[in-house]
N, C-alpha and C. Protein backbone atom coordinates (compact mmCIF):
# COMPACT_ATOMS: atom_id res chain seq x y z
N MET A 1 1.17 66.22 -75.23
CA MET A 1 0.41 67.17 -74.19
C MET A 1 0.48 68.33 -74.78
N SER A 2 -0.55 69.41 -74.56
CA SER A 2 -0.76 70.73 -74.71
C SER A 2 -0.79 71.74 -73.88
N ASP A 3 -0.27 71.17 -72.43
CA ASP A 3 0.08 72.28 -71.43
C ASP A 3 1.39 72.73 -71.39
N PRO A 4 1.96 73.88 -72.07
CA PRO A 4 3.34 74.19 -71.89
C PRO A 4 3.72 74.43 -70.94
N ASN A 5 3.23 74.72 -69.83
CA ASN A 5 3.23 75.01 -68.51
C ASN A 5 3.92 74.44 -67.84
N LEU A 6 3.28 73.07 -68.13
CA LEU A 6 4.03 71.53 -67.50
C LEU A 6 5.32 71.70 -67.72
N ALA A 7 5.52 71.94 -69.42
CA ALA A 7 6.27 70.97 -70.01
C ALA A 7 7.74 71.88 -69.78
N ASN A 8 7.58 73.37 -69.41
CA ASN A 8 8.63 73.98 -69.11
C ASN A 8 8.90 73.88 -67.51
N SER A 9 8.16 73.68 -67.19
CA SER A 9 8.29 73.06 -65.29
C SER A 9 8.72 72.65 -65.25
N LEU A 10 8.42 71.26 -65.77
CA LEU A 10 9.30 69.82 -65.88
C LEU A 10 10.80 70.18 -66.37
N ASN A 11 10.53 70.65 -67.10
CA ASN A 11 12.58 71.06 -68.38
C ASN A 11 13.02 71.94 -67.05
N THR A 12 12.41 72.77 -66.88
CA THR A 12 13.36 73.47 -65.86
C THR A 12 13.52 72.70 -64.48
N ASN A 13 12.95 72.00 -64.06
CA ASN A 13 13.47 71.19 -63.04
C ASN A 13 14.39 70.35 -62.93
N SER A 14 14.40 69.69 -64.48
CA SER A 14 15.18 69.00 -64.93
C SER A 14 16.46 69.27 -64.69
N THR A 15 16.54 70.80 -65.54
CA THR A 15 17.42 71.41 -66.33
C THR A 15 18.15 72.11 -64.48
N GLU A 16 17.02 72.47 -63.25
CA GLU A 16 18.09 72.07 -62.26
C GLU A 16 18.64 71.58 -62.02
N ARG A 17 18.34 70.29 -61.62
CA ARG A 17 18.75 68.84 -61.09
C ARG A 17 20.06 68.41 -62.09
N ASP A 18 20.01 68.78 -63.32
CA ASP A 18 21.42 68.53 -64.50
C ASP A 18 22.58 69.55 -63.49
N SER A 19 22.49 70.93 -63.26
CA SER A 19 22.97 71.44 -63.07
C SER A 19 24.12 71.02 -61.55
N THR A 20 23.03 70.46 -60.91
CA THR A 20 23.52 70.04 -59.52
C THR A 20 24.26 68.75 -59.42
N GLN A 21 24.44 68.42 -60.19
CA GLN A 21 24.91 66.68 -60.73
C GLN A 21 25.84 67.11 -61.81
N ASP A 22 26.59 66.15 -62.19
CA ASP A 22 27.71 66.47 -63.47
C ASP A 22 26.87 66.14 -64.50
N ASN A 23 27.33 66.61 -65.78
CA ASN A 23 26.30 67.02 -66.84
C ASN A 23 26.47 65.30 -67.69
N SER A 24 26.60 64.67 -66.94
CA SER A 24 26.69 63.06 -67.71
C SER A 24 25.88 62.39 -67.46
N ALA A 25 25.34 61.58 -68.48
CA ALA A 25 23.93 61.19 -68.66
C ALA A 25 24.10 59.99 -67.73
N THR A 26 23.79 59.85 -66.72
CA THR A 26 23.01 58.97 -65.51
C THR A 26 21.99 57.97 -65.79
N PRO A 27 22.22 56.67 -65.03
CA PRO A 27 20.77 56.18 -65.30
C PRO A 27 19.57 57.08 -64.82
N ASP A 28 19.93 57.70 -63.58
CA ASP A 28 18.83 58.38 -62.40
C ASP A 28 18.37 59.73 -63.97
N ASN A 29 19.47 60.44 -64.36
CA ASN A 29 18.82 61.32 -65.76
C ASN A 29 17.73 60.43 -66.99
N ASP A 30 18.24 59.36 -67.20
CA ASP A 30 17.91 58.77 -67.71
C ASP A 30 16.10 57.97 -67.81
N VAL A 31 16.06 57.84 -66.41
CA VAL A 31 14.95 57.35 -65.83
C VAL A 31 14.16 58.67 -66.08
N LEU A 32 14.62 59.55 -65.81
CA LEU A 32 13.28 61.09 -65.51
C LEU A 32 13.28 61.53 -66.83
N THR A 33 14.44 61.48 -67.79
CA THR A 33 13.83 61.65 -69.15
C THR A 33 12.94 61.01 -69.40
N LYS A 34 12.80 59.61 -69.32
CA LYS A 34 11.61 58.78 -69.81
C LYS A 34 10.20 59.02 -69.20
N LEU A 35 10.41 59.23 -67.77
CA LEU A 35 9.15 59.73 -67.19
C LEU A 35 8.38 61.02 -67.60
N ILE A 36 9.53 62.32 -67.76
CA ILE A 36 8.84 62.90 -68.16
C ILE A 36 8.02 62.96 -70.10
N LEU A 37 8.75 62.28 -70.90
CA LEU A 37 8.37 61.61 -71.72
C LEU A 37 6.95 61.33 -71.52
N GLU A 38 6.65 60.19 -70.81
CA GLU A 38 5.66 59.35 -70.73
C GLU A 38 4.60 60.43 -70.22
N ILE A 39 4.66 61.13 -69.42
CA ILE A 39 3.84 62.13 -68.60
C ILE A 39 3.46 63.16 -69.91
N GLN A 40 4.43 63.63 -71.08
CA GLN A 40 4.04 64.38 -71.65
C GLN A 40 3.04 64.10 -73.02
N GLN A 41 3.11 62.66 -72.99
CA GLN A 41 2.46 61.91 -74.29
C GLN A 41 1.21 61.03 -73.46
N THR A 42 0.84 61.35 -71.63
CA THR A 42 -0.30 61.29 -71.63
C THR A 42 -1.48 62.17 -71.75
N PRO A 43 -2.04 61.58 -72.33
CA PRO A 43 -3.74 62.89 -72.38
C PRO A 43 -3.95 63.34 -71.24
N GLU A 44 -3.94 64.73 -71.69
CA GLU A 44 -4.67 65.55 -70.69
C GLU A 44 -5.53 65.47 -69.79
N GLU A 45 -6.95 64.40 -70.31
CA GLU A 45 -7.98 64.25 -69.22
C GLU A 45 -7.45 63.24 -67.90
N TYR A 46 -6.22 62.37 -68.24
CA TYR A 46 -6.03 61.35 -67.52
C TYR A 46 -4.75 62.04 -66.85
N LEU A 47 -4.29 63.22 -66.63
CA LEU A 47 -3.02 63.61 -65.99
C LEU A 47 -3.89 63.54 -64.08
N PRO A 48 -4.95 64.08 -64.16
CA PRO A 48 -5.06 63.84 -62.19
C PRO A 48 -4.93 62.62 -61.85
N ASN A 49 -5.11 61.40 -62.78
CA ASN A 49 -5.50 60.11 -62.38
C ASN A 49 -3.83 59.89 -62.28
N LEU A 50 -2.88 60.10 -62.90
CA LEU A 50 -1.55 59.94 -62.66
C LEU A 50 -0.83 60.51 -61.70
N LEU A 51 -0.99 61.69 -61.54
CA LEU A 51 -0.80 62.26 -60.53
C LEU A 51 -0.99 61.78 -59.21
N GLN A 52 -2.35 61.43 -59.25
CA GLN A 52 -2.99 60.11 -57.83
C GLN A 52 -2.00 58.93 -57.85
N ILE A 53 -2.06 58.27 -58.84
CA ILE A 53 -1.11 57.20 -58.70
C ILE A 53 0.40 57.43 -58.21
N LEU A 54 1.05 58.36 -59.09
CA LEU A 54 2.21 58.85 -58.32
C LEU A 54 2.12 59.25 -57.36
N CYS A 55 1.42 59.79 -56.29
CA CYS A 55 1.43 60.21 -55.17
C CYS A 55 1.35 59.15 -54.19
N LEU A 56 0.31 57.92 -54.47
CA LEU A 56 0.13 57.50 -53.72
C LEU A 56 1.38 56.12 -53.74
N PHE A 57 1.71 55.83 -54.87
CA PHE A 57 2.99 55.22 -55.30
C PHE A 57 4.58 55.59 -54.46
N ARG A 58 4.43 56.98 -54.03
CA ARG A 58 5.80 57.53 -53.44
C ARG A 58 5.13 57.38 -51.80
N GLN A 59 4.12 57.53 -51.74
CA GLN A 59 3.63 57.24 -50.47
C GLN A 59 3.64 56.07 -49.59
N SER A 60 3.05 54.79 -50.48
CA SER A 60 3.84 53.32 -49.99
C SER A 60 5.20 53.21 -50.52
N ILE A 61 6.11 53.75 -50.78
CA ILE A 61 7.46 53.44 -50.80
C ILE A 61 8.22 54.45 -49.65
N THR A 62 7.69 55.50 -49.09
CA THR A 62 8.38 56.37 -48.27
C THR A 62 7.53 56.05 -46.62
N LEU A 63 6.78 55.16 -46.58
CA LEU A 63 6.26 54.69 -44.97
C LEU A 63 7.76 54.70 -44.52
N LYS A 64 7.25 55.35 -43.09
CA LYS A 64 8.65 55.02 -41.93
C LYS A 64 8.63 53.30 -41.30
N PRO A 65 10.13 52.91 -41.62
CA PRO A 65 10.02 51.78 -41.12
C PRO A 65 9.66 51.22 -39.85
N VAL A 66 8.99 50.14 -39.28
CA VAL A 66 8.61 50.12 -37.93
C VAL A 66 10.06 49.65 -37.18
N SER A 67 10.10 50.27 -36.00
CA SER A 67 11.07 50.25 -35.60
C SER A 67 10.74 49.04 -34.40
N SER A 68 12.27 48.45 -34.08
CA SER A 68 12.09 47.22 -33.75
C SER A 68 11.29 46.81 -32.19
N ASP A 69 11.70 48.19 -31.70
CA ASP A 69 11.16 48.38 -30.50
C ASP A 69 9.46 48.05 -30.50
N ALA A 70 8.62 48.32 -31.07
CA ALA A 70 7.33 48.45 -31.91
C ALA A 70 7.01 46.89 -31.88
N LEU A 71 7.74 45.96 -32.73
CA LEU A 71 7.81 44.82 -33.04
C LEU A 71 7.84 44.11 -31.89
N GLU A 72 8.83 44.67 -30.80
CA GLU A 72 8.73 43.26 -29.87
C GLU A 72 7.87 43.98 -28.73
N GLN A 73 7.00 44.81 -28.95
CA GLN A 73 6.01 45.07 -28.18
C GLN A 73 4.99 44.42 -28.65
N THR A 74 4.31 44.14 -30.17
CA THR A 74 3.36 43.81 -30.62
C THR A 74 3.34 42.47 -30.61
N SER A 75 4.76 41.82 -30.94
CA SER A 75 5.15 40.37 -30.44
C SER A 75 4.60 39.95 -29.15
N ALA A 76 5.09 40.77 -27.98
CA ALA A 76 4.66 40.19 -26.32
C ALA A 76 2.80 39.89 -26.27
N THR A 77 2.53 41.47 -27.10
CA THR A 77 0.94 41.77 -26.53
C THR A 77 0.18 40.12 -27.61
N GLU A 78 0.91 39.91 -28.27
CA GLU A 78 0.09 38.18 -29.07
C GLU A 78 0.61 37.49 -28.24
N THR A 79 1.72 37.37 -27.67
CA THR A 79 2.06 36.45 -26.79
C THR A 79 1.00 36.31 -25.36
N GLN A 80 0.73 37.69 -24.84
CA GLN A 80 0.20 37.60 -23.68
C GLN A 80 -0.98 36.95 -24.36
N ALA A 81 -1.94 37.48 -25.45
CA ALA A 81 -3.29 37.42 -26.14
C ALA A 81 -3.39 35.74 -26.22
N SER A 82 -2.11 35.04 -26.63
CA SER A 82 -2.08 33.79 -27.12
C SER A 82 -2.32 32.91 -25.29
N ASN A 83 -1.72 33.45 -24.54
CA ASN A 83 -1.50 32.71 -23.20
C ASN A 83 -2.99 32.87 -22.41
N ARG A 84 -3.42 33.76 -22.48
CA ARG A 84 -4.68 33.90 -21.89
C ARG A 84 -5.53 33.57 -22.41
N LEU A 85 -5.24 33.08 -23.74
CA LEU A 85 -6.84 32.10 -24.70
C LEU A 85 -6.84 30.73 -24.19
N ALA A 86 -5.15 30.70 -23.95
CA ALA A 86 -4.73 28.83 -23.49
C ALA A 86 -5.23 28.92 -22.09
N GLN A 87 -4.94 30.04 -21.55
CA GLN A 87 -5.76 29.48 -19.97
C GLN A 87 -7.32 29.25 -20.22
N GLN A 88 -7.77 30.82 -20.83
CA GLN A 88 -9.42 30.60 -20.68
C GLN A 88 -9.92 29.18 -21.25
N HIS A 89 -9.30 28.48 -22.55
CA HIS A 89 -9.79 26.89 -23.00
C HIS A 89 -8.98 25.99 -22.24
N GLN A 90 -8.19 26.24 -21.14
CA GLN A 90 -7.76 25.07 -20.34
C GLN A 90 -8.86 25.32 -19.09
N ALA A 91 -9.37 26.06 -18.74
CA ALA A 91 -10.55 26.23 -17.71
C ALA A 91 -11.79 25.57 -18.51
N LEU A 92 -12.40 26.09 -19.61
CA LEU A 92 -13.50 26.01 -20.35
C LEU A 92 -13.94 24.02 -20.32
N LYS A 93 -12.09 23.12 -20.40
CA LYS A 93 -12.26 22.18 -20.40
C LYS A 93 -12.20 21.64 -19.70
N GLU A 94 -11.97 22.31 -18.14
CA GLU A 94 -12.18 21.61 -16.81
C GLU A 94 -13.43 21.62 -16.47
N LEU A 95 -14.24 22.84 -16.82
CA LEU A 95 -15.50 22.81 -16.47
C LEU A 95 -16.49 22.07 -17.43
N THR A 96 -16.33 21.66 -18.24
CA THR A 96 -17.33 20.40 -19.01
C THR A 96 -16.84 19.65 -18.65
N LYS A 97 -15.59 18.95 -17.84
CA LYS A 97 -15.14 17.59 -17.53
C LYS A 97 -16.00 17.55 -16.29
N ALA A 98 -15.68 18.72 -15.76
CA ALA A 98 -16.79 18.68 -13.99
C ALA A 98 -18.37 18.28 -14.38
N TRP A 99 -18.58 19.22 -15.21
CA TRP A 99 -20.02 18.87 -15.42
C TRP A 99 -20.15 17.53 -15.69
N ILE A 100 -19.57 16.69 -17.22
CA ILE A 100 -19.82 15.80 -17.24
C ILE A 100 -19.74 14.41 -15.96
N GLU A 101 -18.83 14.81 -15.52
CA GLU A 101 -18.68 13.86 -14.20
C GLU A 101 -19.72 13.92 -13.02
N GLU A 102 -20.39 15.34 -12.71
CA GLU A 102 -21.07 15.52 -11.81
C GLU A 102 -22.67 15.09 -12.34
N GLY A 103 -23.07 14.97 -13.10
CA GLY A 103 -24.13 15.02 -14.09
C GLY A 103 -24.89 13.60 -13.44
N ASP A 104 -26.07 13.72 -13.07
CA ASP A 104 -26.78 12.38 -13.04
C ASP A 104 -27.87 12.13 -14.14
N GLU A 105 -27.50 11.04 -14.43
CA GLU A 105 -28.33 10.69 -15.57
C GLU A 105 -29.61 10.52 -15.41
N GLN A 106 -30.43 10.03 -14.04
CA GLN A 106 -31.79 10.33 -14.02
C GLN A 106 -32.01 11.92 -14.44
N GLU A 107 -31.20 12.48 -13.61
CA GLU A 107 -31.73 14.49 -13.76
C GLU A 107 -31.93 14.65 -14.88
N GLN A 108 -30.59 14.33 -15.76
CA GLN A 108 -30.53 15.13 -17.08
C GLN A 108 -31.70 14.38 -17.86
N THR A 109 -32.21 13.08 -17.48
CA THR A 109 -33.01 12.21 -18.56
C THR A 109 -34.32 13.33 -17.85
N GLU A 110 -34.69 13.99 -17.29
CA GLU A 110 -36.16 14.40 -16.75
C GLU A 110 -35.67 15.35 -16.86
N THR A 111 -35.07 16.72 -17.14
CA THR A 111 -34.86 17.64 -17.83
C THR A 111 -34.93 18.04 -19.00
N TRP A 112 -34.26 17.00 -20.00
CA TRP A 112 -34.65 16.91 -21.29
C TRP A 112 -36.01 16.59 -21.55
N GLU A 113 -36.57 15.93 -20.70
CA GLU A 113 -38.70 15.29 -20.91
C GLU A 113 -39.13 16.88 -20.45
N TYR A 114 -38.83 17.43 -19.70
CA TYR A 114 -39.30 18.56 -19.27
C TYR A 114 -39.06 19.34 -20.78
N LEU A 115 -37.96 20.24 -21.27
CA LEU A 115 -37.84 20.95 -22.26
C LEU A 115 -38.19 21.01 -23.56
N ARG A 116 -38.30 19.12 -23.81
CA ARG A 116 -38.66 18.95 -24.88
C ARG A 116 -40.49 19.26 -24.99
N GLN A 117 -41.10 19.02 -24.03
CA GLN A 117 -42.31 19.38 -23.80
C GLN A 117 -42.77 20.52 -23.89
N VAL A 118 -41.52 21.99 -23.10
CA VAL A 118 -41.91 23.19 -23.11
C VAL A 118 -42.08 23.52 -24.65
N LEU A 119 -40.37 22.85 -24.97
CA LEU A 119 -40.84 23.31 -26.31
C LEU A 119 -41.38 23.32 -27.64
N ASP A 120 -42.06 22.16 -27.19
CA ASP A 120 -43.28 21.71 -28.22
C ASP A 120 -44.52 22.27 -28.17
N GLU A 121 -44.71 22.46 -26.80
CA GLU A 121 -46.28 23.48 -26.45
C GLU A 121 -46.67 24.62 -27.44
N ASP A 122 -46.04 25.45 -27.25
CA ASP A 122 -46.63 26.91 -28.05
C ASP A 122 -45.90 27.07 -29.46
N ARG A 123 -45.91 25.99 -30.04
CA ARG A 123 -44.84 26.31 -31.46
C ARG A 123 -46.09 26.57 -32.37
N LEU A 124 -45.69 27.45 -33.33
CA LEU A 124 -46.57 27.67 -34.36
C LEU A 124 -47.13 26.81 -35.49
N SER A 125 -46.24 25.65 -35.54
CA SER A 125 -46.17 24.94 -36.60
C SER A 125 -46.79 23.69 -35.71
N ASN A 126 -47.29 22.63 -36.38
CA ASN A 126 -47.56 21.57 -35.91
C ASN A 126 -46.82 20.18 -35.92
N ARG A 127 -46.01 20.03 -36.54
CA ARG A 127 -44.44 19.55 -36.36
C ARG A 127 -43.86 20.00 -34.99
N PRO A 128 -43.15 18.67 -34.40
CA PRO A 128 -42.63 18.80 -32.98
C PRO A 128 -41.19 19.37 -33.51
N LEU A 129 -40.82 20.59 -32.65
CA LEU A 129 -39.35 20.43 -32.48
C LEU A 129 -38.17 19.62 -31.94
N CYS A 130 -39.03 19.16 -31.05
CA CYS A 130 -37.59 18.01 -30.68
C CYS A 130 -38.19 16.07 -31.32
N GLN A 131 -37.52 15.43 -31.43
CA GLN A 131 -38.36 14.23 -31.81
C GLN A 131 -37.63 13.18 -30.91
């Protein structure tokens, strides 16, 4: 990499970190060293993309965990919605059953004949819609 300022700042940050920790080579220092080497070996034109990737990664792992209260509230809301949907489904079943039971076959036949005639009257096509 040709940017000495970045390399110096990385080395300074690394040195500051080393001074706050003990001087032995810990796995964290080894990972940090490897990360810095990878960054230094990355072509300069790709550094903005690398920075964006690192920022997105950090944000994705540092999201605040959802509290159990929020989970319980979401669960309660979903349960209420599910119960409401089940009630609506039951009401529709009962309404359909009532329509079927109170339907007069003669009336339904007459209604169908009327609907078929009206639908076929003003068609742009010569083919009938209902056969």
